[in-house]
Protein backbone atom coordinates (compact mmCIF):
# COMPACT_ATOMS: atom_id res chain seq x y z
CA MET A 1 -39.08 -6.88 -8.51
CA PRO A 2 -42.44 -6.98 -10.24
CA GLU A 3 -43.68 -10.50 -10.97
CA GLU A 4 -43.71 -10.00 -14.71
CA LEU A 5 -40.09 -9.31 -14.68
CA LYS A 6 -39.17 -12.22 -12.45
CA PRO A 7 -36.87 -14.69 -14.35
CA THR A 8 -38.39 -18.00 -15.15
CA MET A 9 -36.39 -21.25 -15.05
CA THR A 10 -36.95 -23.86 -17.80
CA GLN A 11 -36.63 -27.60 -17.13
CA ASN A 12 -32.96 -28.89 -17.08
CA PHE A 13 -31.01 -31.87 -15.87
CA ILE A 14 -30.93 -30.46 -12.26
CA HIS A 15 -34.75 -30.50 -12.20
CA ASP A 16 -34.80 -33.99 -13.63
CA PHE A 17 -32.80 -35.21 -10.66
CA ILE A 18 -34.97 -33.32 -8.23
CA ASP A 19 -38.15 -34.68 -9.85
CA GLU A 20 -36.76 -38.19 -9.25
CA ASP A 21 -35.92 -37.37 -5.65
CA ILE A 22 -39.35 -35.96 -4.66
CA ALA A 23 -41.31 -38.50 -6.65
CA GLN A 24 -43.02 -41.58 -5.09
CA GLY A 25 -40.18 -43.64 -3.61
CA GLY A 26 -37.54 -40.94 -3.98
CA GLN A 27 -35.14 -40.09 -1.18
CA PHE A 28 -36.87 -36.69 -0.57
CA GLN A 29 -40.49 -37.78 -1.13
CA GLY A 30 -42.84 -35.46 0.61
CA MET A 31 -40.14 -32.99 1.53
CA THR A 32 -39.72 -29.37 0.69
CA VAL A 33 -36.93 -28.73 -1.82
CA HIS A 34 -34.29 -26.77 0.07
CA THR A 35 -31.20 -25.23 -1.63
CA ARG A 36 -28.63 -22.70 -0.52
CA PHE A 37 -26.24 -20.08 -1.98
CA PRO A 38 -22.92 -20.15 0.01
CA PRO A 39 -20.55 -17.41 -1.15
CA GLU A 40 -17.20 -16.78 0.55
CA PRO A 41 -17.15 -13.12 1.81
CA ASN A 42 -13.76 -12.29 0.34
CA GLY A 43 -14.87 -10.11 -2.54
CA TYR A 44 -17.81 -8.73 -4.48
CA LEU A 45 -20.06 -10.96 -6.60
CA HIS A 46 -19.44 -11.13 -10.32
CA ILE A 47 -21.54 -12.20 -13.26
CA GLY A 48 -20.47 -15.83 -12.70
CA HIS A 49 -22.07 -15.78 -9.29
CA ALA A 50 -25.31 -14.49 -10.90
CA LYS A 51 -25.69 -17.78 -12.60
CA ALA A 52 -25.29 -19.70 -9.31
CA ILE A 53 -27.80 -17.29 -7.71
CA PHE A 54 -30.23 -17.91 -10.56
CA VAL A 55 -29.80 -21.66 -10.29
CA ASP A 56 -30.00 -21.87 -6.42
CA PHE A 57 -32.84 -19.43 -5.75
CA GLY A 58 -34.58 -20.06 -9.05
CA THR A 59 -34.72 -23.81 -8.48
CA ALA A 60 -36.16 -23.30 -4.95
CA GLU A 61 -38.81 -20.89 -6.42
CA LYS A 62 -39.72 -23.41 -9.15
CA TYR A 63 -40.51 -26.08 -6.62
CA GLY A 64 -42.07 -23.76 -4.03
CA GLY A 65 -39.06 -24.50 -1.75
CA LEU A 66 -36.57 -22.57 0.30
CA CYS A 67 -33.07 -21.16 -0.42
CA ASN A 68 -30.68 -20.19 2.35
CA LEU A 69 -28.01 -17.53 2.12
CA ARG A 70 -24.89 -18.73 3.97
CA MET A 71 -21.56 -16.88 4.20
CA ASP A 72 -18.74 -19.48 3.91
CA ASP A 73 -16.45 -17.67 6.37
CA THR A 74 -14.21 -20.68 7.21
CA ASN A 75 -11.09 -18.90 5.88
CA PRO A 76 -10.51 -15.67 7.83
CA THR A 77 -7.51 -14.51 5.75
CA LYS A 78 -9.40 -12.33 3.30
CA GLU A 79 -12.91 -12.10 4.74
CA ASP A 80 -14.51 -8.77 5.67
CA VAL A 81 -17.93 -7.42 6.82
CA GLU A 82 -17.89 -5.14 3.77
CA TYR A 83 -18.15 -8.07 1.42
CA VAL A 84 -20.93 -9.65 3.58
CA GLU A 85 -23.04 -6.48 3.13
CA ALA A 86 -22.22 -6.14 -0.61
CA ILE A 87 -23.25 -9.76 -1.28
CA GLN A 88 -26.67 -9.20 0.42
CA GLU A 89 -27.20 -6.00 -1.58
CA ASP A 90 -26.36 -7.69 -4.95
CA ILE A 91 -28.68 -10.62 -4.25
CA HIS A 92 -31.54 -8.32 -3.35
CA TRP A 93 -30.82 -6.30 -6.54
CA LEU A 94 -31.30 -9.44 -8.56
CA GLY A 95 -34.69 -9.80 -7.07
CA TYR A 96 -34.19 -12.71 -4.61
CA ASP A 97 -34.64 -12.87 -0.83
CA TRP A 98 -33.69 -15.50 1.78
CA GLY A 99 -36.23 -14.44 4.45
CA ASP A 100 -34.90 -15.32 7.87
CA ARG A 101 -32.51 -17.99 6.58
CA PHE A 102 -29.27 -16.02 6.70
CA PHE A 103 -26.40 -18.08 8.19
CA PHE A 104 -22.69 -18.10 8.61
CA ALA A 105 -20.45 -21.15 8.42
CA SER A 106 -18.81 -19.95 11.59
CA ASP A 107 -22.08 -20.44 13.46
CA TYR A 108 -21.26 -24.16 13.23
CA PHE A 109 -17.61 -24.16 14.33
CA GLU A 110 -18.32 -25.77 17.69
CA LYS A 111 -20.53 -28.47 16.08
CA MET A 112 -17.93 -29.17 13.43
CA TYR A 113 -15.23 -29.53 16.03
CA GLU A 114 -17.40 -32.12 17.92
CA TYR A 115 -17.92 -34.09 14.61
CA ALA A 116 -14.17 -34.00 14.08
CA VAL A 117 -13.64 -35.40 17.53
CA GLU A 118 -16.19 -38.21 16.74
CA LEU A 119 -14.23 -39.18 13.55
CA ILE A 120 -11.05 -39.48 15.57
CA LYS A 121 -12.80 -41.69 18.14
CA LYS A 122 -14.07 -43.89 15.29
CA GLY A 123 -10.52 -44.27 13.97
CA LEU A 124 -11.57 -42.29 10.87
CA ALA A 125 -9.23 -39.28 11.44
CA TYR A 126 -5.80 -38.61 12.85
CA VAL A 127 -3.39 -35.76 13.54
CA CYS A 128 -0.63 -35.52 11.00
CA GLU A 129 2.64 -33.60 11.50
CA LEU A 130 3.82 -33.53 7.97
CA THR A 131 5.08 -30.14 6.84
CA PRO A 132 3.53 -28.55 3.65
CA GLU A 133 6.65 -29.61 1.73
CA GLN A 134 6.52 -33.20 3.10
CA PHE A 135 2.86 -33.34 2.31
CA LYS A 136 3.49 -32.68 -1.33
CA GLU A 137 6.43 -35.18 -1.36
CA TYR A 138 4.36 -37.96 0.24
CA ARG A 139 1.24 -37.39 -1.85
CA GLY A 140 2.25 -39.92 -4.48
CA ASP A 141 1.05 -40.03 -8.07
CA VAL A 142 -1.31 -42.03 -10.21
CA ASN A 143 0.93 -45.14 -9.81
CA THR A 144 2.13 -44.51 -6.25
CA PRO A 145 -0.05 -44.38 -3.22
CA ALA A 146 0.28 -41.47 -0.77
CA ARG A 147 1.81 -42.16 2.68
CA SER A 148 2.00 -40.64 6.13
CA PRO A 149 4.09 -41.94 9.02
CA PHE A 150 1.37 -40.66 11.42
CA ARG A 151 -1.52 -42.59 9.91
CA ASP A 152 -1.42 -45.27 12.64
CA ARG A 153 -1.16 -42.86 15.51
CA PRO A 154 -3.13 -44.01 18.57
CA ILE A 155 -6.59 -42.51 18.84
CA GLU A 156 -5.93 -41.15 22.38
CA GLU A 157 -2.79 -39.38 21.04
CA SER A 158 -4.66 -37.81 18.21
CA LEU A 159 -7.43 -36.63 20.48
CA ASP A 160 -4.85 -34.99 22.82
CA LEU A 161 -3.06 -33.27 19.99
CA PHE A 162 -6.25 -32.07 18.38
CA ALA A 163 -7.37 -30.51 21.63
CA ARG A 164 -3.96 -28.82 21.99
CA MET A 165 -4.22 -27.59 18.44
CA ARG A 166 -7.41 -25.80 19.40
CA ALA A 167 -5.82 -24.47 22.56
CA GLY A 168 -3.21 -22.74 20.35
CA GLU A 169 -0.07 -24.66 21.39
CA PHE A 170 1.27 -25.12 17.95
CA PRO A 171 2.25 -22.67 15.14
CA ASN A 172 0.69 -22.42 11.73
CA GLY A 173 1.50 -25.41 9.57
CA ALA A 174 2.76 -27.61 12.35
CA MET A 175 -0.13 -30.08 12.30
CA THR A 176 -3.30 -30.94 10.45
CA LEU A 177 -6.21 -33.20 11.09
CA ARG A 178 -6.63 -35.67 8.23
CA ALA A 179 -9.38 -38.09 7.38
CA LYS A 180 -8.41 -41.72 7.14
CA ILE A 181 -9.83 -42.91 3.92
CA ASP A 182 -7.72 -44.38 1.17
CA LEU A 183 -4.14 -43.40 0.40
CA ALA A 184 -4.20 -45.38 -2.85
CA SER A 185 -7.40 -43.84 -4.23
CA GLY A 186 -7.44 -42.80 -7.85
CA ASN A 187 -9.31 -39.65 -6.67
CA PHE A 188 -6.63 -37.60 -4.91
CA ASN A 189 -9.29 -35.82 -2.96
CA MET A 190 -9.84 -39.12 -1.07
CA ARG A 191 -6.18 -39.72 -0.18
CA ASP A 192 -6.63 -38.87 3.52
CA PRO A 193 -7.61 -35.20 2.86
CA VAL A 194 -7.03 -32.46 5.44
CA LEU A 195 -10.07 -31.67 7.62
CA TYR A 196 -8.57 -28.99 9.87
CA ARG A 197 -5.53 -26.73 9.71
CA ILE A 198 -3.95 -24.28 12.16
CA ASN A 199 -4.35 -20.58 11.34
CA HIS A 200 -3.64 -18.00 13.99
CA MET A 201 -5.75 -15.30 12.38
CA HIS A 202 -8.39 -12.94 13.71
CA HIS A 203 -11.89 -13.92 12.49
CA HIS A 204 -14.35 -11.15 11.46
CA ARG A 205 -17.10 -12.71 13.58
CA GLN A 206 -15.43 -15.19 16.00
CA GLY A 207 -12.53 -12.86 17.00
CA ASP A 208 -9.61 -14.88 18.40
CA LYS A 209 -11.72 -17.70 19.76
CA TRP A 210 -10.44 -20.15 17.15
CA CYS A 211 -7.04 -20.87 15.82
CA ILE A 212 -7.98 -24.06 13.91
CA TYR A 213 -10.39 -23.78 10.95
CA PRO A 214 -12.17 -26.52 9.01
CA MET A 215 -11.39 -27.04 5.36
CA TYR A 216 -14.19 -26.38 2.91
CA ASP A 217 -14.58 -30.01 1.90
CA PHE A 218 -15.34 -30.90 5.53
CA ALA A 219 -17.40 -27.80 6.47
CA HIS A 220 -19.53 -27.68 3.29
CA PRO A 221 -21.42 -30.99 3.75
CA LEU A 222 -21.85 -30.40 7.49
CA GLU A 223 -23.33 -26.98 6.94
CA ASP A 224 -25.77 -28.37 4.34
CA ALA A 225 -26.88 -31.17 6.60
CA LEU A 226 -27.22 -28.97 9.69
CA GLU A 227 -29.50 -26.57 7.69
CA GLY A 228 -31.64 -29.38 6.27
CA ILE A 229 -30.55 -28.76 2.67
CA THR A 230 -31.99 -31.32 0.25
CA HIS A 231 -30.05 -30.44 -2.84
CA SER A 232 -26.63 -28.88 -2.74
CA LEU A 233 -26.10 -27.27 -6.16
CA CYS A 234 -22.44 -26.65 -6.86
CA SER A 235 -20.24 -25.72 -9.87
CA LEU A 236 -18.57 -28.41 -11.87
CA GLU A 237 -15.13 -28.26 -10.10
CA PHE A 238 -16.73 -29.92 -7.13
CA GLU A 239 -17.63 -33.09 -9.06
CA ASP A 240 -14.43 -34.84 -8.02
CA HIS A 241 -15.12 -33.69 -4.39
CA ARG A 242 -18.55 -35.36 -4.28
CA PRO A 243 -17.25 -38.70 -2.93
CA LEU A 244 -15.67 -36.82 -0.01
CA TYR A 245 -18.93 -34.90 0.51
CA ASP A 246 -20.78 -38.18 0.71
CA TRP A 247 -18.10 -39.69 2.96
CA VAL A 248 -18.44 -36.90 5.49
CA ILE A 249 -22.23 -37.12 5.54
CA ALA A 250 -22.06 -40.91 5.96
CA ASN A 251 -19.63 -40.88 8.77
CA CYS A 252 -20.90 -37.96 10.91
CA PRO A 253 -24.13 -38.12 12.96
CA VAL A 254 -25.81 -35.33 10.99
CA PRO A 255 -29.58 -34.73 10.88
CA ALA A 256 -29.92 -34.83 7.13
CA ARG A 257 -28.37 -36.35 4.03
CA PRO A 258 -28.16 -33.70 1.21
CA ARG A 259 -27.56 -34.64 -2.40
CA GLN A 260 -24.86 -32.77 -4.30
CA ILE A 261 -25.45 -31.90 -7.98
CA GLU A 262 -22.92 -30.11 -10.14
CA PHE A 263 -23.55 -27.68 -13.05
CA ALA A 264 -21.18 -25.88 -15.40
CA ARG A 265 -19.61 -22.58 -14.31
CA LEU A 266 -20.20 -19.50 -16.38
CA GLY A 267 -17.20 -18.37 -18.31
CA ILE A 268 -17.00 -15.29 -20.57
CA ASN A 269 -14.12 -15.18 -23.09
CA TYR A 270 -11.41 -12.60 -22.29
CA THR A 271 -13.16 -11.63 -19.05
CA VAL A 272 -11.67 -12.10 -15.57
CA MET A 273 -13.83 -14.37 -13.54
CA SER A 274 -11.53 -14.89 -10.57
CA LYS A 275 -12.32 -12.95 -7.32
CA ARG A 276 -8.61 -13.22 -6.43
CA LYS A 277 -7.50 -11.50 -9.61
CA LEU A 278 -10.39 -9.02 -9.45
CA ARG A 279 -9.32 -8.14 -5.95
CA GLN A 280 -5.80 -7.67 -7.10
CA LEU A 281 -6.94 -5.18 -9.70
CA VAL A 282 -8.74 -3.20 -7.01
CA GLU A 283 -5.92 -3.36 -4.43
CA GLU A 284 -3.33 -2.31 -6.94
CA GLY A 285 -5.45 0.64 -8.08
CA ARG A 286 -5.74 -0.54 -11.72
CA VAL A 287 -9.45 0.14 -11.49
CA SER A 288 -11.44 2.70 -9.52
CA GLY A 289 -13.01 0.09 -7.26
CA TRP A 290 -15.17 -3.13 -7.29
CA ASP A 291 -17.91 -1.03 -9.03
CA ASP A 292 -15.71 0.15 -11.84
CA PRO A 293 -18.01 -0.19 -14.96
CA ARG A 294 -15.26 -2.25 -16.67
CA MET A 295 -15.45 -4.90 -13.94
CA PRO A 296 -17.64 -8.02 -14.43
CA THR A 297 -18.96 -7.51 -10.85
CA LEU A 298 -22.64 -7.12 -10.26
CA CYS A 299 -22.15 -3.65 -8.76
CA GLY A 300 -19.95 -2.67 -11.79
CA LEU A 301 -22.75 -3.88 -14.17
CA ARG A 302 -25.31 -2.00 -12.06
CA ARG A 303 -23.22 1.23 -12.36
CA ARG A 304 -22.91 0.61 -16.09
CA GLY A 305 -26.70 0.79 -16.38
CA TYR A 306 -28.00 -2.80 -16.49
CA HIS A 307 -31.18 -3.73 -14.72
CA PRO A 308 -31.56 -7.08 -13.00
CA PRO A 309 -33.81 -8.63 -15.62
CA ALA A 310 -30.95 -8.30 -18.17
CA HIS A 311 -28.94 -10.83 -16.16
CA PRO A 312 -31.34 -13.71 -16.22
CA GLN A 313 -31.88 -12.94 -19.90
CA PHE A 314 -28.14 -13.45 -20.45
CA LEU A 315 -28.16 -16.57 -18.24
CA ARG A 316 -31.05 -18.17 -20.15
CA ALA A 317 -28.84 -17.83 -23.22
CA GLN A 318 -26.52 -20.26 -21.54
CA ARG A 319 -27.81 -23.84 -21.19
CA ARG A 320 -27.62 -25.41 -17.76
CA GLU A 321 -25.03 -27.99 -18.72
CA GLN A 322 -22.41 -30.13 -17.03
CA GLY A 323 -19.76 -29.36 -19.67
CA GLY A 324 -17.45 -26.37 -19.83
CA LEU A 325 -19.26 -23.15 -20.63
CA HIS A 326 -17.48 -20.17 -22.24
CA ARG A 327 -19.29 -17.50 -24.19
CA GLY A 328 -18.31 -14.36 -25.97
CA VAL A 329 -18.41 -11.12 -24.13
CA ARG A 330 -20.42 -9.53 -26.91
CA LEU A 331 -23.38 -11.86 -26.10
CA PHE A 332 -23.80 -10.02 -22.81
CA GLY A 333 -23.03 -6.63 -24.33
CA ALA A 334 -25.80 -7.21 -26.91
CA LEU A 335 -28.54 -7.44 -24.25
CA PRO A 336 -30.74 -4.45 -23.48
CA ALA A 337 -29.55 -2.40 -20.49
CA GLY A 338 -32.69 -2.72 -18.53
CA ARG A 339 -36.39 -2.28 -19.30
CA PRO A 340 -38.03 -0.48 -22.26
CA GLU A 341 -38.99 2.24 -19.93
CA ARG A 342 -36.42 3.47 -17.41
CA ASP A 343 -37.05 3.40 -13.73
CA ARG A 344 -35.86 6.93 -13.46
CA PRO A 345 -34.82 9.73 -15.88
CA ALA A 346 -31.22 9.71 -17.03
CA ALA A 347 -30.24 13.01 -15.54
CA HIS A 348 -26.57 12.27 -14.96
CA GLY A 349 -23.71 13.82 -16.85
CA GLY A 350 -25.75 16.94 -17.69
CA ALA A 351 -27.98 15.00 -20.11
CA PRO A 352 -31.62 16.26 -20.18
CA PRO A 353 -34.04 13.66 -18.99
CA GLY A 354 -35.32 11.46 -21.79
CA THR A 355 -32.37 12.30 -24.12
CA PRO A 356 -31.98 9.06 -26.19
CA HIS A 357 -28.59 7.30 -25.94
CA HIS A 358 -27.25 10.00 -23.68
CA HIS A 359 -23.84 11.32 -24.62
CA GLN A 360 -22.01 9.37 -27.29
CA LEU A 361 -18.22 9.45 -27.03
CA PRO A 362 -15.96 9.41 -30.10
CA ARG A 363 -14.33 6.29 -31.45
CA GLY A 364 -11.77 4.88 -29.12
CA THR A 365 -13.96 4.77 -26.12
CA GLU A 366 -16.68 2.36 -24.91
CA ARG A 367 -17.33 0.64 -28.21
CA ASP A 368 -13.66 -0.20 -28.69
CA LEU A 369 -13.30 -1.02 -24.98
CA LEU A 370 -15.06 -4.26 -25.72
CA ARG A 371 -12.96 -4.90 -28.86
CA GLY A 372 -9.71 -3.91 -27.16
CA GLU A 373 -8.95 -1.47 -30.01
CA GLN A 374 -7.42 1.98 -29.45
CA SER A 375 -7.87 4.61 -32.15
CA GLN A 376 -6.03 7.81 -32.69
CA PRO A 377 -8.24 10.93 -32.33
CA PRO A 378 -7.50 13.79 -34.80
CA GLY A 379 -4.67 15.99 -33.52
CA GLY A 380 -4.07 14.20 -30.28
CA ARG A 381 -3.12 11.04 -28.41
CA ARG A 382 -5.47 8.09 -28.51
CA ALA A 383 -7.91 7.76 -25.67
CA GLY A 384 -7.51 4.03 -25.39
CA GLY A 385 -11.02 3.27 -24.18
CA HIS A 386 -10.10 3.77 -20.49
CA LEU A 387 -12.45 4.89 -17.77
CA LEU A 388 -13.51 8.49 -17.34
CA PRO A 389 -13.45 9.59 -13.74
CA GLY A 390 -17.05 9.64 -12.46
CA ALA A 391 -18.32 8.16 -15.78
CA VAL A 392 -21.60 6.19 -15.81
CA TYR A 393 -22.25 3.52 -18.38
CA ARG A 394 -25.81 3.35 -19.70
CA GLY A 395 -26.70 0.83 -22.42
CA GLY A 396 -25.57 2.30 -25.72
CA GLY A 397 -22.94 4.73 -24.52
CA LEU A 398 -20.78 6.26 -21.80
CA SER A 399 -21.95 9.42 -20.18
CA PRO A 400 -19.18 11.44 -18.58
CA ARG A 401 -19.76 14.03 -16.00
CA ALA A 402 -18.85 17.61 -16.98
CA GLY A 403 -15.15 18.27 -16.97
CA ALA A 404 -14.16 14.59 -16.92
CA GLN A 405 -10.79 13.85 -18.43
CA VAL A 406 -9.66 10.56 -20.04
CA GLN A 407 -7.00 8.76 -18.04
CA ALA A 408 -3.76 7.97 -19.75
CA PRO A 409 -3.95 4.60 -21.46
CA LEU A 410 -2.11 1.52 -20.15
CA PRO A 411 0.55 0.15 -22.51
CA ARG A 412 -0.37 -2.88 -24.57
CA ARG A 413 1.73 -6.08 -24.64
CA ALA A 414 2.51 -7.62 -27.97
CA GLY A 415 0.69 -10.84 -28.65
CA VAL A 416 -2.01 -10.28 -26.09
CA PRO A 417 -5.53 -11.12 -27.30
CA PRO A 418 -7.35 -7.80 -28.04
CA GLN A 419 -10.72 -8.66 -26.54
CA GLY A 420 -11.71 -8.07 -22.95
CA ARG A 421 -12.58 -5.10 -20.74
CA LEU A 422 -9.63 -5.61 -18.40
CA CYS A 423 -7.48 -7.53 -20.80
CA ASP A 424 -4.36 -5.27 -20.64
CA GLN A 425 -4.40 -4.99 -16.82
CA VAL A 426 -4.84 -8.81 -16.29
CA HIS A 427 -1.87 -9.66 -18.57
CA ARG A 428 0.18 -7.26 -16.49
CA LEU A 429 -0.51 -9.11 -13.27
């Protein structure tokens, strides 16, 4: 991306913390600021991830530092190489690069296992045989401490059982490795959280070598420390997990002590921002794919005609806050779809190159797709604003290829909010 189009990051509370850390007497004085972007390869990136990318990579650029790209592949259930490649493509499209710092969480599985064994030897972890149902029953509440009959299991016994867990002797859910912290903590994340679980599942990189996998709260701080991360920038839901992050760092012999800082997630009203639900839409055939122009995925927005600079422009309209952040979908729709001068002529859909606005569809199509309205064309059924096969969105309108037919509209549910590109489909899930 040309330098004049590179997004610039203004000062915010994250940078205030970093300034303190690298100043004289700070914990990272004289060190290079080092961040990371750690997506889970179980789906395509959406506009919410663009904010995290902008914060992680943009912060590193601001301080002349480094930013790693790390695939958090600790859960093999939904991970796939397709998503790994798509994530790389989307980040490059946004104009960022990680150089030679591309990692997988699974690269550290052996080291994580060694750290877990060390915790057991220190008396800070134990093998627990509570079933998932018993785990919920014994968890307690705000007035009642959690409990586990296996908390005082001898260290030697836990070491033996943990080794047998790795060897595959037990079925899924039979045992877990738990940290021994505080069963009466007001922060439920500190009530002896699970560090490892059994999962006999083929891993996309490790194959069948492992049948126990670390939980994210255990793996995340270890990965950061092993990569020399100075500032682990996370979304706000990890704020309550920060004490556990610090506990893992303090009790494992790691080479670095990163600092976790949380910022607000990006939310867009009436827009699905869950990879799990977006994946369900794809798998059930409710959309044409992850790059369906109605999807809030980066590849969907790219197909719709947006250029990368439009995304940081949208993100700069959101303040980097620690509170909840939800904005209207029209704020993003109002942004220009790319640069004043196109990178290439708009020759799709039979439109002559240079034709302004391309083909404009009648009422009931793209404009009302954002509003959720469905108008009745003269002498026929309403189009409903649904995707045209092979259509390409470009800024002010939708350009169908020759011969494209409007798909039959999905039925609306009474009482459903009208806004949202995929509102109808989501409320049907």
